[in-house]
mmCIF file of all heavy atoms, coordinates in Angstrom:
data_MODEL
# 
_entry.id   MODEL 
# 
loop_
_atom_site.group_PDB 
_atom_site.id 
_atom_site.type_symbol 
_atom_site.label_atom_id 
_atom_site.label_alt_id 
_atom_site.label_comp_id 
_atom_site.label_asym_id 
_atom_site.label_entity_id 
_atom_site.label_seq_id 
_atom_site.pdbx_PDB_ins_code 
_atom_site.Cartn_x 
_atom_site.Cartn_y 
_atom_site.Cartn_z 
_atom_site.occupancy 
_atom_site.B_iso_or_equiv 
_atom_site.pdbx_formal_charge 
_atom_site.auth_seq_id 
_atom_site.auth_comp_id 
_atom_site.auth_asym_id 
_atom_site.auth_atom_id 
_atom_site.pdbx_PDB_model_num 
ATOM 1   N N   . PHE A 1 1  ? 0.499   2.844  -8.516  1.00 0.00 ? 1  PHE A N   1 
ATOM 2   C CA  . PHE A 1 1  ? -0.798  2.579  -9.080  1.00 0.00 ? 1  PHE A CA  1 
ATOM 3   C C   . PHE A 1 1  ? -0.605  1.584  -10.246 1.00 0.00 ? 1  PHE A C   1 
ATOM 4   O O   . PHE A 1 1  ? 0.333   1.733  -11.100 1.00 0.00 ? 1  PHE A O   1 
ATOM 5   C CB  . PHE A 1 1  ? -1.483  3.801  -9.565  1.00 0.00 ? 1  PHE A CB  1 
ATOM 6   C CG  . PHE A 1 1  ? -2.049  4.699  -8.488  1.00 0.00 ? 1  PHE A CG  1 
ATOM 7   C CD1 . PHE A 1 1  ? -1.297  5.640  -7.894  1.00 0.00 ? 1  PHE A CD1 1 
ATOM 8   C CD2 . PHE A 1 1  ? -3.376  4.541  -8.168  1.00 0.00 ? 1  PHE A CD2 1 
ATOM 9   C CE1 . PHE A 1 1  ? -1.705  6.401  -6.858  1.00 0.00 ? 1  PHE A CE1 1 
ATOM 10  C CE2 . PHE A 1 1  ? -3.866  5.348  -7.110  1.00 0.00 ? 1  PHE A CE2 1 
ATOM 11  C CZ  . PHE A 1 1  ? -3.010  6.281  -6.456  1.00 0.00 ? 1  PHE A CZ  1 
ATOM 12  N N   . GLU A 1 2  ? -1.398  0.594  -10.273 1.00 0.00 ? 2  GLU A N   1 
ATOM 13  C CA  . GLU A 1 2  ? -1.437  -0.404 -11.357 1.00 0.00 ? 2  GLU A CA  1 
ATOM 14  C C   . GLU A 1 2  ? -2.923  -0.449 -11.923 1.00 0.00 ? 2  GLU A C   1 
ATOM 15  O O   . GLU A 1 2  ? -3.797  -0.607 -11.069 1.00 0.00 ? 2  GLU A O   1 
ATOM 16  C CB  . GLU A 1 2  ? -1.003  -1.758 -10.884 1.00 0.00 ? 2  GLU A CB  1 
ATOM 17  C CG  . GLU A 1 2  ? 0.463   -1.755 -10.547 1.00 0.00 ? 2  GLU A CG  1 
ATOM 18  C CD  . GLU A 1 2  ? 0.892   -3.256 -10.037 1.00 0.00 ? 2  GLU A CD  1 
ATOM 19  O OE1 . GLU A 1 2  ? 0.031   -4.127 -9.862  1.00 0.00 ? 2  GLU A OE1 1 
ATOM 20  O OE2 . GLU A 1 2  ? 2.097   -3.355 -9.766  1.00 0.00 ? 2  GLU A OE2 1 
ATOM 21  N N   . ASP A 1 3  ? -3.049  -0.236 -13.139 1.00 0.00 ? 3  ASP A N   1 
ATOM 22  C CA  . ASP A 1 3  ? -4.451  -0.183 -13.801 1.00 0.00 ? 3  ASP A CA  1 
ATOM 23  C C   . ASP A 1 3  ? -5.227  0.774  -13.016 1.00 0.00 ? 3  ASP A C   1 
ATOM 24  O O   . ASP A 1 3  ? -6.553  0.579  -12.893 1.00 0.00 ? 3  ASP A O   1 
ATOM 25  C CB  . ASP A 1 3  ? -5.052  -1.538 -13.760 1.00 0.00 ? 3  ASP A CB  1 
ATOM 26  C CG  . ASP A 1 3  ? -4.198  -2.590 -14.537 1.00 0.00 ? 3  ASP A CG  1 
ATOM 27  O OD1 . ASP A 1 3  ? -3.740  -2.253 -15.619 1.00 0.00 ? 3  ASP A OD1 1 
ATOM 28  O OD2 . ASP A 1 3  ? -4.199  -3.787 -14.160 1.00 0.00 ? 3  ASP A OD2 1 
ATOM 29  N N   . GLY A 1 4  ? -4.696  1.891  -12.688 1.00 0.00 ? 4  GLY A N   1 
ATOM 30  C CA  . GLY A 1 4  ? -5.511  3.010  -12.040 1.00 0.00 ? 4  GLY A CA  1 
ATOM 31  C C   . GLY A 1 4  ? -5.833  2.765  -10.581 1.00 0.00 ? 4  GLY A C   1 
ATOM 32  O O   . GLY A 1 4  ? -6.587  3.599  -10.000 1.00 0.00 ? 4  GLY A O   1 
ATOM 33  N N   . LYS A 1 5  ? -5.431  1.703  -9.994  1.00 0.00 ? 5  LYS A N   1 
ATOM 34  C CA  . LYS A 1 5  ? -5.735  1.382  -8.576  1.00 0.00 ? 5  LYS A CA  1 
ATOM 35  C C   . LYS A 1 5  ? -4.461  1.343  -7.725  1.00 0.00 ? 5  LYS A C   1 
ATOM 36  O O   . LYS A 1 5  ? -3.502  0.783  -8.199  1.00 0.00 ? 5  LYS A O   1 
ATOM 37  C CB  . LYS A 1 5  ? -6.414  0.045  -8.572  1.00 0.00 ? 5  LYS A CB  1 
ATOM 38  C CG  . LYS A 1 5  ? -7.752  -0.025 -9.240  1.00 0.00 ? 5  LYS A CG  1 
ATOM 39  C CD  . LYS A 1 5  ? -8.388  -1.307 -9.132  1.00 0.00 ? 5  LYS A CD  1 
ATOM 40  C CE  . LYS A 1 5  ? -9.606  -1.369 -9.969  1.00 0.00 ? 5  LYS A CE  1 
ATOM 41  N NZ  . LYS A 1 5  ? -10.210 -2.740 -10.141 1.00 0.00 ? 5  LYS A NZ  1 
ATOM 42  N N   . PRO A 1 6  ? -4.547  1.807  -6.545  1.00 0.00 ? 6  PRO A N   1 
ATOM 43  C CA  . PRO A 1 6  ? -3.388  1.701  -5.604  1.00 0.00 ? 6  PRO A CA  1 
ATOM 44  C C   . PRO A 1 6  ? -2.911  0.150  -5.459  1.00 0.00 ? 6  PRO A C   1 
ATOM 45  O O   . PRO A 1 6  ? -3.755  -0.644 -5.103  1.00 0.00 ? 6  PRO A O   1 
ATOM 46  C CB  . PRO A 1 6  ? -3.777  2.286  -4.261  1.00 0.00 ? 6  PRO A CB  1 
ATOM 47  C CG  . PRO A 1 6  ? -5.055  2.960  -4.488  1.00 0.00 ? 6  PRO A CG  1 
ATOM 48  C CD  . PRO A 1 6  ? -5.608  2.362  -5.763  1.00 0.00 ? 6  PRO A CD  1 
ATOM 49  N N   . ALA A 1 7  ? -1.669  -0.094 -5.711  1.00 0.00 ? 7  ALA A N   1 
ATOM 50  C CA  . ALA A 1 7  ? -1.080  -1.494 -5.611  1.00 0.00 ? 7  ALA A CA  1 
ATOM 51  C C   . ALA A 1 7  ? -0.195  -1.635 -4.485  1.00 0.00 ? 7  ALA A C   1 
ATOM 52  O O   . ALA A 1 7  ? -0.154  -2.667 -3.826  1.00 0.00 ? 7  ALA A O   1 
ATOM 53  C CB  . ALA A 1 7  ? -0.510  -1.863 -6.937  1.00 0.00 ? 7  ALA A CB  1 
ATOM 54  N N   . TYR A 1 8  ? 0.623   -0.560 -4.278  1.00 0.00 ? 8  TYR A N   1 
ATOM 55  C CA  . TYR A 1 8  ? 1.614   -0.632 -3.198  1.00 0.00 ? 8  TYR A CA  1 
ATOM 56  C C   . TYR A 1 8  ? 1.743   0.737  -2.582  1.00 0.00 ? 8  TYR A C   1 
ATOM 57  O O   . TYR A 1 8  ? 1.589   1.807  -3.204  1.00 0.00 ? 8  TYR A O   1 
ATOM 58  C CB  . TYR A 1 8  ? 2.964   -1.002 -3.650  1.00 0.00 ? 8  TYR A CB  1 
ATOM 59  C CG  . TYR A 1 8  ? 3.056   -2.334 -4.302  1.00 0.00 ? 8  TYR A CG  1 
ATOM 60  C CD1 . TYR A 1 8  ? 2.962   -2.511 -5.641  1.00 0.00 ? 8  TYR A CD1 1 
ATOM 61  C CD2 . TYR A 1 8  ? 3.367   -3.421 -3.561  1.00 0.00 ? 8  TYR A CD2 1 
ATOM 62  C CE1 . TYR A 1 8  ? 2.903   -3.741 -6.260  1.00 0.00 ? 8  TYR A CE1 1 
ATOM 63  C CE2 . TYR A 1 8  ? 3.335   -4.774 -4.075  1.00 0.00 ? 8  TYR A CE2 1 
ATOM 64  C CZ  . TYR A 1 8  ? 3.158   -4.905 -5.406  1.00 0.00 ? 8  TYR A CZ  1 
ATOM 65  O OH  . TYR A 1 8  ? 3.233   -6.139 -5.949  1.00 0.00 ? 8  TYR A OH  1 
ATOM 66  N N   . VAL A 1 9  ? 2.050   0.758  -1.293  1.00 0.00 ? 9  VAL A N   1 
ATOM 67  C CA  . VAL A 1 9  ? 2.337   2.043  -0.498  1.00 0.00 ? 9  VAL A CA  1 
ATOM 68  C C   . VAL A 1 9  ? 3.723   1.805  0.173   1.00 0.00 ? 9  VAL A C   1 
ATOM 69  O O   . VAL A 1 9  ? 3.903   0.815  0.665   1.00 0.00 ? 9  VAL A O   1 
ATOM 70  C CB  . VAL A 1 9  ? 1.239   2.326  0.577   1.00 0.00 ? 9  VAL A CB  1 
ATOM 71  C CG1 . VAL A 1 9  ? 1.612   3.410  1.480   1.00 0.00 ? 9  VAL A CG1 1 
ATOM 72  C CG2 . VAL A 1 9  ? -0.068  2.643  -0.062  1.00 0.00 ? 9  VAL A CG2 1 
ATOM 73  N N   . CYS A 1 10 ? 4.511   2.935  -0.017  1.00 0.00 ? 10 CYS A N   1 
ATOM 74  C CA  . CYS A 1 10 ? 5.778   2.723  0.544   1.00 0.00 ? 10 CYS A CA  1 
ATOM 75  C C   . CYS A 1 10 ? 6.107   4.027  1.385   1.00 0.00 ? 10 CYS A C   1 
ATOM 76  O O   . CYS A 1 10 ? 6.198   5.139  0.939   1.00 0.00 ? 10 CYS A O   1 
ATOM 77  C CB  . CYS A 1 10 ? 6.847   2.621  -0.580  1.00 0.00 ? 10 CYS A CB  1 
ATOM 78  S SG  . CYS A 1 10 ? 8.660   2.386  0.075   1.00 0.00 ? 10 CYS A SG  1 
ATOM 79  N N   . GLU A 1 11 ? 6.385   3.647  2.634   1.00 0.00 ? 11 GLU A N   1 
ATOM 80  C CA  . GLU A 1 11 ? 6.710   4.789  3.622   1.00 0.00 ? 11 GLU A CA  1 
ATOM 81  C C   . GLU A 1 11 ? 8.257   4.827  3.666   1.00 0.00 ? 11 GLU A C   1 
ATOM 82  O O   . GLU A 1 11 ? 8.880   3.649  3.597   1.00 0.00 ? 11 GLU A O   1 
ATOM 83  C CB  . GLU A 1 11 ? 6.173   4.410  5.085   1.00 0.00 ? 11 GLU A CB  1 
ATOM 84  C CG  . GLU A 1 11 ? 6.420   5.464  5.998   1.00 0.00 ? 11 GLU A CG  1 
ATOM 85  C CD  . GLU A 1 11 ? 5.854   4.937  7.442   1.00 0.00 ? 11 GLU A CD  1 
ATOM 86  O OE1 . GLU A 1 11 ? 5.603   3.715  7.581   1.00 0.00 ? 11 GLU A OE1 1 
ATOM 87  O OE2 . GLU A 1 11 ? 5.669   5.818  8.291   1.00 0.00 ? 11 GLU A OE2 1 
ATOM 88  N N   . ALA A 1 12 ? 8.834   5.953  3.800   1.00 0.00 ? 12 ALA A N   1 
ATOM 89  C CA  . ALA A 1 12 ? 10.315  6.058  3.813   1.00 0.00 ? 12 ALA A CA  1 
ATOM 90  C C   . ALA A 1 12 ? 10.934  5.175  4.830   1.00 0.00 ? 12 ALA A C   1 
ATOM 91  O O   . ALA A 1 12 ? 10.490  5.119  6.008   1.00 0.00 ? 12 ALA A O   1 
ATOM 92  C CB  . ALA A 1 12 ? 10.750  7.492  4.057   1.00 0.00 ? 12 ALA A CB  1 
ATOM 93  N N   . GLY A 1 13 ? 11.889  4.427  4.461   1.00 0.00 ? 13 GLY A N   1 
ATOM 94  C CA  . GLY A 1 13 ? 12.580  3.485  5.336   1.00 0.00 ? 13 GLY A CA  1 
ATOM 95  C C   . GLY A 1 13 ? 11.874  2.268  5.790   1.00 0.00 ? 13 GLY A C   1 
ATOM 96  O O   . GLY A 1 13 ? 12.373  1.532  6.703   1.00 0.00 ? 13 GLY A O   1 
ATOM 97  N N   . ALA A 1 14 ? 10.734  1.946  5.116   1.00 0.00 ? 14 ALA A N   1 
ATOM 98  C CA  . ALA A 1 14 ? 9.989   0.778  5.530   1.00 0.00 ? 14 ALA A CA  1 
ATOM 99  C C   . ALA A 1 14 ? 9.680   -0.042 4.223   1.00 0.00 ? 14 ALA A C   1 
ATOM 100 O O   . ALA A 1 14 ? 9.684   0.505  3.167   1.00 0.00 ? 14 ALA A O   1 
ATOM 101 C CB  . ALA A 1 14 ? 8.706   1.209  6.198   1.00 0.00 ? 14 ALA A CB  1 
ATOM 102 N N   . PRO A 1 15 ? 9.416   -1.360 4.462   1.00 0.00 ? 15 PRO A N   1 
ATOM 103 C CA  . PRO A 1 15 ? 9.000   -2.147 3.309   1.00 0.00 ? 15 PRO A CA  1 
ATOM 104 C C   . PRO A 1 15 ? 7.640   -1.764 2.678   1.00 0.00 ? 15 PRO A C   1 
ATOM 105 O O   . PRO A 1 15 ? 6.850   -1.168 3.415   1.00 0.00 ? 15 PRO A O   1 
ATOM 106 C CB  . PRO A 1 15 ? 9.000   -3.602 3.763   1.00 0.00 ? 15 PRO A CB  1 
ATOM 107 C CG  . PRO A 1 15 ? 9.254   -3.514 5.267   1.00 0.00 ? 15 PRO A CG  1 
ATOM 108 C CD  . PRO A 1 15 ? 9.475   -2.111 5.669   1.00 0.00 ? 15 PRO A CD  1 
ATOM 109 N N   . SER A 1 16 ? 7.563   -1.902 1.376   1.00 0.00 ? 16 SER A N   1 
ATOM 110 C CA  . SER A 1 16 ? 6.161   -1.575 0.729   1.00 0.00 ? 16 SER A CA  1 
ATOM 111 C C   . SER A 1 16 ? 5.067   -2.459 1.395   1.00 0.00 ? 16 SER A C   1 
ATOM 112 O O   . SER A 1 16 ? 5.250   -3.585 1.752   1.00 0.00 ? 16 SER A O   1 
ATOM 113 C CB  . SER A 1 16 ? 6.271   -1.893 -0.793  1.00 0.00 ? 16 SER A CB  1 
ATOM 114 O OG  . SER A 1 16 ? 7.231   -0.977 -1.396  1.00 0.00 ? 16 SER A OG  1 
ATOM 115 N N   . ILE A 1 17 ? 3.966   -1.894 1.265   1.00 0.00 ? 17 ILE A N   1 
ATOM 116 C CA  . ILE A 1 17 ? 2.792   -2.519 1.792   1.00 0.00 ? 17 ILE A CA  1 
ATOM 117 C C   . ILE A 1 17 ? 1.887   -2.792 0.521   1.00 0.00 ? 17 ILE A C   1 
ATOM 118 O O   . ILE A 1 17 ? 1.575   -1.849 -0.198  1.00 0.00 ? 17 ILE A O   1 
ATOM 119 C CB  . ILE A 1 17 ? 1.927   -1.755 2.823   1.00 0.00 ? 17 ILE A CB  1 
ATOM 120 C CG1 . ILE A 1 17 ? 2.735   -1.375 3.967   1.00 0.00 ? 17 ILE A CG1 1 
ATOM 121 C CG2 . ILE A 1 17 ? 0.632   -2.416 3.129   1.00 0.00 ? 17 ILE A CG2 1 
ATOM 122 C CD1 . ILE A 1 17 ? 2.136   -0.379 4.934   1.00 0.00 ? 17 ILE A CD1 1 
ATOM 123 N N   . ALA A 1 18 ? 1.627   -4.067 0.296   1.00 0.00 ? 18 ALA A N   1 
ATOM 124 C CA  . ALA A 1 18 ? 0.749   -4.402 -0.939  1.00 0.00 ? 18 ALA A CA  1 
ATOM 125 C C   . ALA A 1 18 ? -0.755  -4.155 -0.658  1.00 0.00 ? 18 ALA A C   1 
ATOM 126 O O   . ALA A 1 18 ? -1.128  -4.114 0.422   1.00 0.00 ? 18 ALA A O   1 
ATOM 127 C CB  . ALA A 1 18 ? 0.977   -5.812 -1.288  1.00 0.00 ? 18 ALA A CB  1 
ATOM 128 N N   . ALA A 1 19 ? -1.525  -3.907 -1.803  1.00 0.00 ? 19 ALA A N   1 
ATOM 129 C CA  . ALA A 1 19 ? -2.834  -3.629 -1.683  1.00 0.00 ? 19 ALA A CA  1 
ATOM 130 C C   . ALA A 1 19 ? -3.625  -4.699 -0.861  1.00 0.00 ? 19 ALA A C   1 
ATOM 131 O O   . ALA A 1 19 ? -4.576  -4.418 -0.051  1.00 0.00 ? 19 ALA A O   1 
ATOM 132 C CB  . ALA A 1 19 ? -3.481  -3.542 -2.986  1.00 0.00 ? 19 ALA A CB  1 
ATOM 133 N N   . ASP A 1 20 ? -3.228  -5.987 -0.908  1.00 0.00 ? 20 ASP A N   1 
ATOM 134 C CA  . ASP A 1 20 ? -3.960  -7.057 -0.149  1.00 0.00 ? 20 ASP A CA  1 
ATOM 135 C C   . ASP A 1 20 ? -3.695  -6.937 1.372   1.00 0.00 ? 20 ASP A C   1 
ATOM 136 O O   . ASP A 1 20 ? -4.534  -7.372 2.114   1.00 0.00 ? 20 ASP A O   1 
ATOM 137 C CB  . ASP A 1 20 ? -3.259  -8.389 -0.508  1.00 0.00 ? 20 ASP A CB  1 
ATOM 138 C CG  . ASP A 1 20 ? -3.583  -8.865 -1.964  1.00 0.00 ? 20 ASP A CG  1 
ATOM 139 O OD1 . ASP A 1 20 ? -4.516  -8.206 -2.579  1.00 0.00 ? 20 ASP A OD1 1 
ATOM 140 O OD2 . ASP A 1 20 ? -2.902  -9.680 -2.488  1.00 0.00 ? 20 ASP A OD2 1 
ATOM 141 N N   . ASP A 1 21 ? -2.764  -6.099 1.696   1.00 0.00 ? 21 ASP A N   1 
ATOM 142 C CA  . ASP A 1 21 ? -2.478  -5.783 3.236   1.00 0.00 ? 21 ASP A CA  1 
ATOM 143 C C   . ASP A 1 21 ? -2.921  -4.494 3.744   1.00 0.00 ? 21 ASP A C   1 
ATOM 144 O O   . ASP A 1 21 ? -2.724  -4.152 4.862   1.00 0.00 ? 21 ASP A O   1 
ATOM 145 C CB  . ASP A 1 21 ? -0.967  -5.976 3.528   1.00 0.00 ? 21 ASP A CB  1 
ATOM 146 C CG  . ASP A 1 21 ? -0.471  -7.469 3.280   1.00 0.00 ? 21 ASP A CG  1 
ATOM 147 O OD1 . ASP A 1 21 ? -1.269  -8.363 3.704   1.00 0.00 ? 21 ASP A OD1 1 
ATOM 148 O OD2 . ASP A 1 21 ? 0.665   -7.608 2.870   1.00 0.00 ? 21 ASP A OD2 1 
ATOM 149 N N   . PHE A 1 22 ? -3.632  -3.745 2.808   1.00 0.00 ? 22 PHE A N   1 
ATOM 150 C CA  . PHE A 1 22 ? -3.994  -2.396 3.229   1.00 0.00 ? 22 PHE A CA  1 
ATOM 151 C C   . PHE A 1 22 ? -4.996  -2.399 4.460   1.00 0.00 ? 22 PHE A C   1 
ATOM 152 O O   . PHE A 1 22 ? -4.806  -1.645 5.408   1.00 0.00 ? 22 PHE A O   1 
ATOM 153 C CB  . PHE A 1 22 ? -4.796  -1.653 2.194   1.00 0.00 ? 22 PHE A CB  1 
ATOM 154 C CG  . PHE A 1 22 ? -3.901  -1.083 1.006   1.00 0.00 ? 22 PHE A CG  1 
ATOM 155 C CD1 . PHE A 1 22 ? -2.577  -1.327 1.038   1.00 0.00 ? 22 PHE A CD1 1 
ATOM 156 C CD2 . PHE A 1 22 ? -4.375  -0.294 0.010   1.00 0.00 ? 22 PHE A CD2 1 
ATOM 157 C CE1 . PHE A 1 22 ? -1.658  -0.816 0.064   1.00 0.00 ? 22 PHE A CE1 1 
ATOM 158 C CE2 . PHE A 1 22 ? -3.640  0.128  -0.937  1.00 0.00 ? 22 PHE A CE2 1 
ATOM 159 C CZ  . PHE A 1 22 ? -2.202  0.027  -0.899  1.00 0.00 ? 22 PHE A CZ  1 
ATOM 160 N N   . ASP A 1 23 ? -5.971  -3.392 4.548   1.00 0.00 ? 23 ASP A N   1 
ATOM 161 C CA  . ASP A 1 23 ? -6.736  -3.431 5.675   1.00 0.00 ? 23 ASP A CA  1 
ATOM 162 C C   . ASP A 1 23 ? -5.995  -3.819 7.005   1.00 0.00 ? 23 ASP A C   1 
ATOM 163 O O   . ASP A 1 23 ? -6.102  -3.221 7.963   1.00 0.00 ? 23 ASP A O   1 
ATOM 164 C CB  . ASP A 1 23 ? -7.890  -4.424 5.468   1.00 0.00 ? 23 ASP A CB  1 
ATOM 165 C CG  . ASP A 1 23 ? -9.041  -3.865 4.574   1.00 0.00 ? 23 ASP A CG  1 
ATOM 166 O OD1 . ASP A 1 23 ? -9.020  -2.656 4.415   1.00 0.00 ? 23 ASP A OD1 1 
ATOM 167 O OD2 . ASP A 1 23 ? -9.714  -4.739 3.972   1.00 0.00 ? 23 ASP A OD2 1 
ATOM 168 N N   . ARG A 1 24 ? -5.178  -4.808 6.895   1.00 0.00 ? 24 ARG A N   1 
ATOM 169 C CA  . ARG A 1 24 ? -4.415  -5.318 8.061   1.00 0.00 ? 24 ARG A CA  1 
ATOM 170 C C   . ARG A 1 24 ? -3.498  -4.270 8.529   1.00 0.00 ? 24 ARG A C   1 
ATOM 171 O O   . ARG A 1 24 ? -3.234  -4.119 9.740   1.00 0.00 ? 24 ARG A O   1 
ATOM 172 C CB  . ARG A 1 24 ? -3.612  -6.580 7.616   1.00 0.00 ? 24 ARG A CB  1 
ATOM 173 C CG  . ARG A 1 24 ? -2.900  -7.210 8.811   1.00 0.00 ? 24 ARG A CG  1 
ATOM 174 C CD  . ARG A 1 24 ? -2.111  -8.513 8.376   1.00 0.00 ? 24 ARG A CD  1 
ATOM 175 N NE  . ARG A 1 24 ? -1.103  -8.316 7.390   1.00 0.00 ? 24 ARG A NE  1 
ATOM 176 C CZ  . ARG A 1 24 ? 0.033   -7.646 7.570   1.00 0.00 ? 24 ARG A CZ  1 
ATOM 177 N NH1 . ARG A 1 24 ? 0.453   -7.254 8.769   1.00 0.00 ? 24 ARG A NH1 1 
ATOM 178 N NH2 . ARG A 1 24 ? 0.984   -7.498 6.596   1.00 0.00 ? 24 ARG A NH2 1 
ATOM 179 N N   . CYS A 1 25 ? -2.889  -3.473 7.674   1.00 0.00 ? 25 CYS A N   1 
ATOM 180 C CA  . CYS A 1 25 ? -1.926  -2.392 8.022   1.00 0.00 ? 25 CYS A CA  1 
ATOM 181 C C   . CYS A 1 25 ? -2.532  -1.112 8.311   1.00 0.00 ? 25 CYS A C   1 
ATOM 182 O O   . CYS A 1 25 ? -1.871  -0.070 8.455   1.00 0.00 ? 25 CYS A O   1 
ATOM 183 C CB  . CYS A 1 25 ? -0.849  -2.346 6.966   1.00 0.00 ? 25 CYS A CB  1 
ATOM 184 S SG  . CYS A 1 25 ? 0.240   -3.807 6.873   1.00 0.00 ? 25 CYS A SG  1 
ATOM 185 N N   . GLN A 1 26 ? -3.856  -1.053 8.129   1.00 0.00 ? 26 GLN A N   1 
ATOM 186 C CA  . GLN A 1 26 ? -4.698  0.203  8.440   1.00 0.00 ? 26 GLN A CA  1 
ATOM 187 C C   . GLN A 1 26 ? -4.143  1.321  7.499   1.00 0.00 ? 26 GLN A C   1 
ATOM 188 O O   . GLN A 1 26 ? -3.901  2.409  7.979   1.00 0.00 ? 26 GLN A O   1 
ATOM 189 C CB  . GLN A 1 26 ? -4.678  0.583  9.849   1.00 0.00 ? 26 GLN A CB  1 
ATOM 190 C CG  . GLN A 1 26 ? -5.272  -0.506 10.820  1.00 0.00 ? 26 GLN A CG  1 
ATOM 191 C CD  . GLN A 1 26 ? -5.174  -0.057 12.262  1.00 0.00 ? 26 GLN A CD  1 
ATOM 192 O OE1 . GLN A 1 26 ? -4.194  0.387  12.784  1.00 0.00 ? 26 GLN A OE1 1 
ATOM 193 N NE2 . GLN A 1 26 ? -6.203  -0.344 13.053  1.00 0.00 ? 26 GLN A NE2 1 
ATOM 194 N N   . VAL A 1 27 ? -4.070  1.020  6.156   1.00 0.00 ? 27 VAL A N   1 
ATOM 195 C CA  . VAL A 1 27 ? -3.665  2.077  5.156   1.00 0.00 ? 27 VAL A CA  1 
ATOM 196 C C   . VAL A 1 27 ? -4.915  2.816  4.843   1.00 0.00 ? 27 VAL A C   1 
ATOM 197 O O   . VAL A 1 27 ? -5.887  2.334  4.328   1.00 0.00 ? 27 VAL A O   1 
ATOM 198 C CB  . VAL A 1 27 ? -3.028  1.395  3.981   1.00 0.00 ? 27 VAL A CB  1 
ATOM 199 C CG1 . VAL A 1 27 ? -2.713  2.430  2.902   1.00 0.00 ? 27 VAL A CG1 1 
ATOM 200 C CG2 . VAL A 1 27 ? -1.792  0.734  4.403   1.00 0.00 ? 27 VAL A CG2 1 
ATOM 201 N N   . ARG A 1 28 ? -4.806  4.230  4.986   1.00 0.00 ? 28 ARG A N   1 
ATOM 202 C CA  . ARG A 1 28 ? -5.880  5.177  4.449   1.00 0.00 ? 28 ARG A CA  1 
ATOM 203 C C   . ARG A 1 28 ? -5.286  6.307  3.757   1.00 0.00 ? 28 ARG A C   1 
ATOM 204 O O   . ARG A 1 28 ? -4.507  7.050  4.348   1.00 0.00 ? 28 ARG A O   1 
ATOM 205 C CB  . ARG A 1 28 ? -6.667  5.555  5.732   1.00 0.00 ? 28 ARG A CB  1 
ATOM 206 C CG  . ARG A 1 28 ? -7.837  6.428  5.228   1.00 0.00 ? 28 ARG A CG  1 
ATOM 207 C CD  . ARG A 1 28 ? -8.752  6.782  6.454   1.00 0.00 ? 28 ARG A CD  1 
ATOM 208 N NE  . ARG A 1 28 ? -7.953  7.632  7.408   1.00 0.00 ? 28 ARG A NE  1 
ATOM 209 C CZ  . ARG A 1 28 ? -7.931  8.991  7.459   1.00 0.00 ? 28 ARG A CZ  1 
ATOM 210 N NH1 . ARG A 1 28 ? -8.520  9.699  6.630   1.00 0.00 ? 28 ARG A NH1 1 
ATOM 211 N NH2 . ARG A 1 28 ? -7.287  9.595  8.485   1.00 0.00 ? 28 ARG A NH2 1 
ATOM 212 N N   . LEU A 1 29 ? -5.499  6.229  2.433   1.00 0.00 ? 29 LEU A N   1 
ATOM 213 C CA  . LEU A 1 29 ? -5.040  7.357  1.594   1.00 0.00 ? 29 LEU A CA  1 
ATOM 214 C C   . LEU A 1 29 ? -5.853  8.540  1.889   1.00 0.00 ? 29 LEU A C   1 
ATOM 215 O O   . LEU A 1 29 ? -7.091  8.375  1.784   1.00 0.00 ? 29 LEU A O   1 
ATOM 216 C CB  . LEU A 1 29 ? -4.997  6.965  0.174   1.00 0.00 ? 29 LEU A CB  1 
ATOM 217 C CG  . LEU A 1 29 ? -4.031  5.751  -0.245  1.00 0.00 ? 29 LEU A CG  1 
ATOM 218 C CD1 . LEU A 1 29 ? -4.192  5.557  -1.696  1.00 0.00 ? 29 LEU A CD1 1 
ATOM 219 C CD2 . LEU A 1 29 ? -2.673  6.023  0.136   1.00 0.00 ? 29 LEU A CD2 1 
# 
């Protein structure tokens, strides 16, 4: 989290997903 907002998501063994790519990578917390 940066400034209280999700900035990156990291799944074990995979590269981090930046907030800009959440829609494209179908990230749903």
